[in-house]
Amino acid sequence: MSSTVKGVYRNGQVQLLQKPEGVEDGDVMVTLTNLRSDGVEGASLADRRQRALRWLREGGWNLGGAPYPTRDTLHDGTR
């Protein structure tokens, strides 16, 4: 069984903000969220959002894509 509770990480320590119900002791796995990995210390959420949108507009991820074959090209091999 697992339980999820909120907490904060400060100065090398994790502090739970809630007590897990029905759990006296147990092992934990910690996943940190809202990390600032953009390299700009103190950047606001709006600034980070604008940088992310600009990055997406300038190319973002290359997921393949065009040029796509035409319908006739796809069906030529089946005739």
N, C-alpha and C. Protein backbone atom coordinates (compact mmCIF):
# COMPACT_ATOMS: atom_id res chain seq x y z
N MET A 1 0.83 -1.17 0.00
CA MET A 1 0.00 0.00 0.00
C MET A 1 0.88 1.24 0.00
N SER A 2 0.45 2.27 -0.69
CA SER A 2 1.20 3.53 -0.68
C SER A 2 0.27 4.67 -0.32
N SER A 3 0.88 5.74 0.12
CA SER A 3 0.14 6.92 0.52
C SER A 3 0.92 8.13 0.04
N THR A 4 0.22 9.15 -0.41
CA THR A 4 0.88 10.36 -0.90
C THR A 4 0.49 11.53 -0.01
N VAL A 5 1.50 12.25 0.47
CA VAL A 5 1.27 13.44 1.28
C VAL A 5 2.16 14.56 0.75
N LYS A 6 1.77 15.78 1.00
CA LYS A 6 2.57 16.93 0.59
C LYS A 6 3.66 17.19 1.62
N GLY A 7 4.73 17.79 1.13
CA GLY A 7 5.83 18.15 1.99
C GLY A 7 6.70 19.19 1.31
N VAL A 8 7.72 19.65 2.01
CA VAL A 8 8.67 20.61 1.45
C VAL A 8 10.08 20.13 1.73
N TYR A 9 11.00 20.52 0.86
CA TYR A 9 12.42 20.20 1.03
C TYR A 9 13.16 21.51 1.19
N ARG A 10 13.82 21.66 2.33
CA ARG A 10 14.59 22.87 2.61
C ARG A 10 15.85 22.49 3.36
N ASN A 11 16.95 23.06 2.94
CA ASN A 11 18.23 22.89 3.63
C ASN A 11 18.56 21.42 3.90
N GLY A 12 18.32 20.57 2.91
CA GLY A 12 18.68 19.17 3.03
C GLY A 12 17.72 18.31 3.83
N GLN A 13 16.58 18.84 4.21
CA GLN A 13 15.61 18.07 5.01
C GLN A 13 14.23 18.10 4.35
N VAL A 14 13.52 16.99 4.49
CA VAL A 14 12.15 16.89 4.01
C VAL A 14 11.21 17.01 5.20
N GLN A 15 10.25 17.90 5.11
CA GLN A 15 9.27 18.07 6.17
C GLN A 15 7.89 17.81 5.59
N LEU A 16 7.16 16.86 6.18
CA LEU A 16 5.82 16.55 5.71
C LEU A 16 4.85 17.61 6.20
N LEU A 17 3.95 18.02 5.33
CA LEU A 17 2.95 19.01 5.69
C LEU A 17 1.67 18.35 6.20
N GLN A 18 1.54 17.04 6.00
CA GLN A 18 0.39 16.27 6.47
C GLN A 18 0.91 14.98 7.08
N LYS A 19 0.12 14.40 7.95
CA LYS A 19 0.46 13.09 8.50
C LYS A 19 -0.26 12.03 7.67
N PRO A 20 0.46 11.03 7.15
CA PRO A 20 -0.19 9.98 6.39
C PRO A 20 -1.15 9.19 7.29
N GLU A 21 -2.36 8.99 6.81
CA GLU A 21 -3.36 8.29 7.62
C GLU A 21 -3.08 6.79 7.64
N GLY A 22 -3.13 6.20 8.83
CA GLY A 22 -2.98 4.77 8.99
C GLY A 22 -1.56 4.27 8.83
N VAL A 23 -0.57 5.15 8.86
CA VAL A 23 0.83 4.75 8.68
C VAL A 23 1.62 5.17 9.91
N GLU A 24 2.20 4.18 10.58
CA GLU A 24 3.05 4.49 11.74
C GLU A 24 4.49 4.72 11.31
N ASP A 25 5.01 3.85 10.45
CA ASP A 25 6.35 4.01 9.90
C ASP A 25 6.41 3.27 8.58
N GLY A 26 7.41 3.58 7.79
CA GLY A 26 7.53 2.93 6.50
C GLY A 26 8.63 3.56 5.67
N ASP A 27 8.91 2.92 4.54
CA ASP A 27 9.90 3.44 3.60
C ASP A 27 9.26 4.55 2.77
N VAL A 28 10.09 5.45 2.28
CA VAL A 28 9.59 6.56 1.47
C VAL A 28 10.39 6.66 0.18
N MET A 29 9.73 7.22 -0.84
CA MET A 29 10.39 7.63 -2.08
C MET A 29 9.98 9.08 -2.28
N VAL A 30 10.94 9.95 -2.53
CA VAL A 30 10.66 11.37 -2.64
C VAL A 30 10.77 11.80 -4.09
N THR A 31 9.74 12.48 -4.60
CA THR A 31 9.76 13.08 -5.93
C THR A 31 9.62 14.57 -5.76
N LEU A 32 10.62 15.31 -6.20
CA LEU A 32 10.58 16.77 -6.07
C LEU A 32 9.89 17.36 -7.29
N THR A 33 8.95 18.27 -7.07
CA THR A 33 8.24 18.93 -8.15
C THR A 33 8.53 20.42 -8.11
N ASN A 34 8.20 21.10 -9.19
CA ASN A 34 8.40 22.55 -9.30
C ASN A 34 9.87 22.93 -9.13
N LEU A 35 10.76 22.15 -9.75
CA LEU A 35 12.18 22.45 -9.68
C LEU A 35 12.52 23.56 -10.66
N ARG A 36 13.47 24.36 -10.31
CA ARG A 36 13.92 25.43 -11.21
C ARG A 36 15.16 24.92 -11.95
N SER A 37 14.93 24.28 -13.07
CA SER A 37 16.04 23.76 -13.85
C SER A 37 16.35 24.63 -15.05
N ASP A 38 15.74 25.81 -15.11
CA ASP A 38 15.94 26.68 -16.27
C ASP A 38 17.21 27.52 -16.15
N GLY A 39 17.91 27.42 -15.03
CA GLY A 39 19.15 28.13 -14.86
C GLY A 39 18.99 29.60 -14.51
N VAL A 40 17.80 30.08 -14.39
CA VAL A 40 17.57 31.48 -14.04
C VAL A 40 16.99 31.51 -12.63
N GLU A 41 17.82 31.87 -11.69
CA GLU A 41 17.39 31.90 -10.30
C GLU A 41 16.41 33.02 -10.08
N GLY A 42 15.30 32.73 -9.43
CA GLY A 42 14.33 33.74 -9.09
C GLY A 42 13.41 34.15 -10.23
N ALA A 43 13.44 33.40 -11.34
CA ALA A 43 12.56 33.74 -12.46
C ALA A 43 11.11 33.46 -12.07
N SER A 44 10.23 34.35 -12.44
CA SER A 44 8.83 34.16 -12.10
C SER A 44 8.22 33.10 -13.02
N LEU A 45 7.08 32.60 -12.61
CA LEU A 45 6.38 31.60 -13.41
C LEU A 45 6.04 32.15 -14.79
N ALA A 46 5.62 33.40 -14.85
CA ALA A 46 5.28 34.02 -16.14
C ALA A 46 6.51 34.11 -17.04
N ASP A 47 7.67 34.46 -16.48
CA ASP A 47 8.91 34.53 -17.27
C ASP A 47 9.28 33.15 -17.82
N ARG A 48 9.20 32.13 -16.97
CA ARG A 48 9.53 30.78 -17.42
C ARG A 48 8.55 30.30 -18.48
N ARG A 49 7.28 30.63 -18.31
CA ARG A 49 6.26 30.25 -19.31
C ARG A 49 6.56 30.92 -20.65
N GLN A 50 6.92 32.20 -20.63
CA GLN A 50 7.23 32.92 -21.87
C GLN A 50 8.45 32.33 -22.56
N ARG A 51 9.49 31.97 -21.79
CA ARG A 51 10.67 31.33 -22.38
C ARG A 51 10.32 29.99 -23.00
N ALA A 52 9.46 29.22 -22.34
CA ALA A 52 9.06 27.91 -22.87
C ALA A 52 8.26 28.07 -24.15
N LEU A 53 7.34 29.02 -24.20
CA LEU A 53 6.57 29.26 -25.41
C LEU A 53 7.45 29.72 -26.55
N ARG A 54 8.41 30.60 -26.27
CA ARG A 54 9.34 31.07 -27.30
C ARG A 54 10.16 29.90 -27.84
N TRP A 55 10.62 29.01 -26.94
CA TRP A 55 11.39 27.84 -27.36
C TRP A 55 10.55 26.94 -28.27
N LEU A 56 9.28 26.73 -27.92
CA LEU A 56 8.40 25.91 -28.76
C LEU A 56 8.18 26.55 -30.13
N ARG A 57 8.00 27.87 -30.17
CA ARG A 57 7.79 28.56 -31.45
C ARG A 57 9.02 28.51 -32.33
N GLU A 58 10.21 28.50 -31.72
CA GLU A 58 11.45 28.51 -32.47
C GLU A 58 11.89 27.12 -32.92
N GLY A 59 11.11 26.11 -32.64
CA GLY A 59 11.46 24.78 -33.10
C GLY A 59 11.08 23.70 -32.13
N GLY A 60 11.26 23.92 -30.86
CA GLY A 60 10.86 22.94 -29.86
C GLY A 60 11.46 21.57 -30.12
N TRP A 61 10.67 20.55 -29.92
CA TRP A 61 11.11 19.18 -30.14
C TRP A 61 10.93 18.81 -31.60
N ASN A 62 11.89 18.10 -32.15
CA ASN A 62 11.75 17.59 -33.50
C ASN A 62 11.18 16.18 -33.39
N LEU A 63 9.90 16.05 -33.70
CA LEU A 63 9.21 14.77 -33.60
C LEU A 63 9.03 14.11 -34.95
N GLY A 64 9.88 14.46 -35.88
CA GLY A 64 9.72 13.91 -37.23
C GLY A 64 8.72 14.76 -37.97
N GLY A 65 7.94 14.12 -38.80
CA GLY A 65 6.90 14.87 -39.49
C GLY A 65 7.16 15.00 -40.96
N ALA A 66 6.70 16.10 -41.53
CA ALA A 66 6.76 16.32 -42.98
C ALA A 66 8.17 16.11 -43.50
N PRO A 67 8.35 15.77 -44.74
CA PRO A 67 7.34 15.63 -45.79
C PRO A 67 6.63 14.29 -45.70
N TYR A 68 5.33 14.34 -45.80
CA TYR A 68 4.53 13.13 -45.77
C TYR A 68 4.31 12.61 -47.19
N PRO A 69 4.26 11.28 -47.37
CA PRO A 69 3.97 10.74 -48.70
C PRO A 69 2.51 11.02 -49.07
N THR A 70 2.27 11.13 -50.35
CA THR A 70 0.90 11.35 -50.80
C THR A 70 0.12 10.05 -50.72
N ARG A 71 -1.18 10.15 -50.83
CA ARG A 71 -2.04 8.97 -50.79
C ARG A 71 -1.70 8.02 -51.94
N ASP A 72 -1.47 8.59 -53.13
CA ASP A 72 -1.13 7.76 -54.29
C ASP A 72 0.19 7.02 -54.08
N THR A 73 1.16 7.69 -53.51
CA THR A 73 2.45 7.04 -53.26
C THR A 73 2.28 5.88 -52.28
N LEU A 74 1.46 6.05 -51.27
CA LEU A 74 1.24 4.98 -50.31
C LEU A 74 0.56 3.77 -50.95
N HIS A 75 -0.39 4.04 -51.85
CA HIS A 75 -1.16 2.94 -52.43
C HIS A 75 -0.56 2.35 -53.69
N ASP A 76 0.51 2.95 -54.24
CA ASP A 76 1.16 2.41 -55.43
C ASP A 76 1.73 1.02 -55.17
N GLY A 77 2.23 0.78 -53.99
CA GLY A 77 2.84 -0.50 -53.67
C GLY A 77 1.83 -1.63 -53.53
N THR A 78 0.57 -1.31 -53.45
CA THR A 78 -0.45 -2.35 -53.27
C THR A 78 -1.13 -2.74 -54.56
N ARG A 79 -0.80 -2.10 -55.67
CA ARG A 79 -1.46 -2.39 -56.95
C ARG A 79 -0.74 -3.43 -57.72
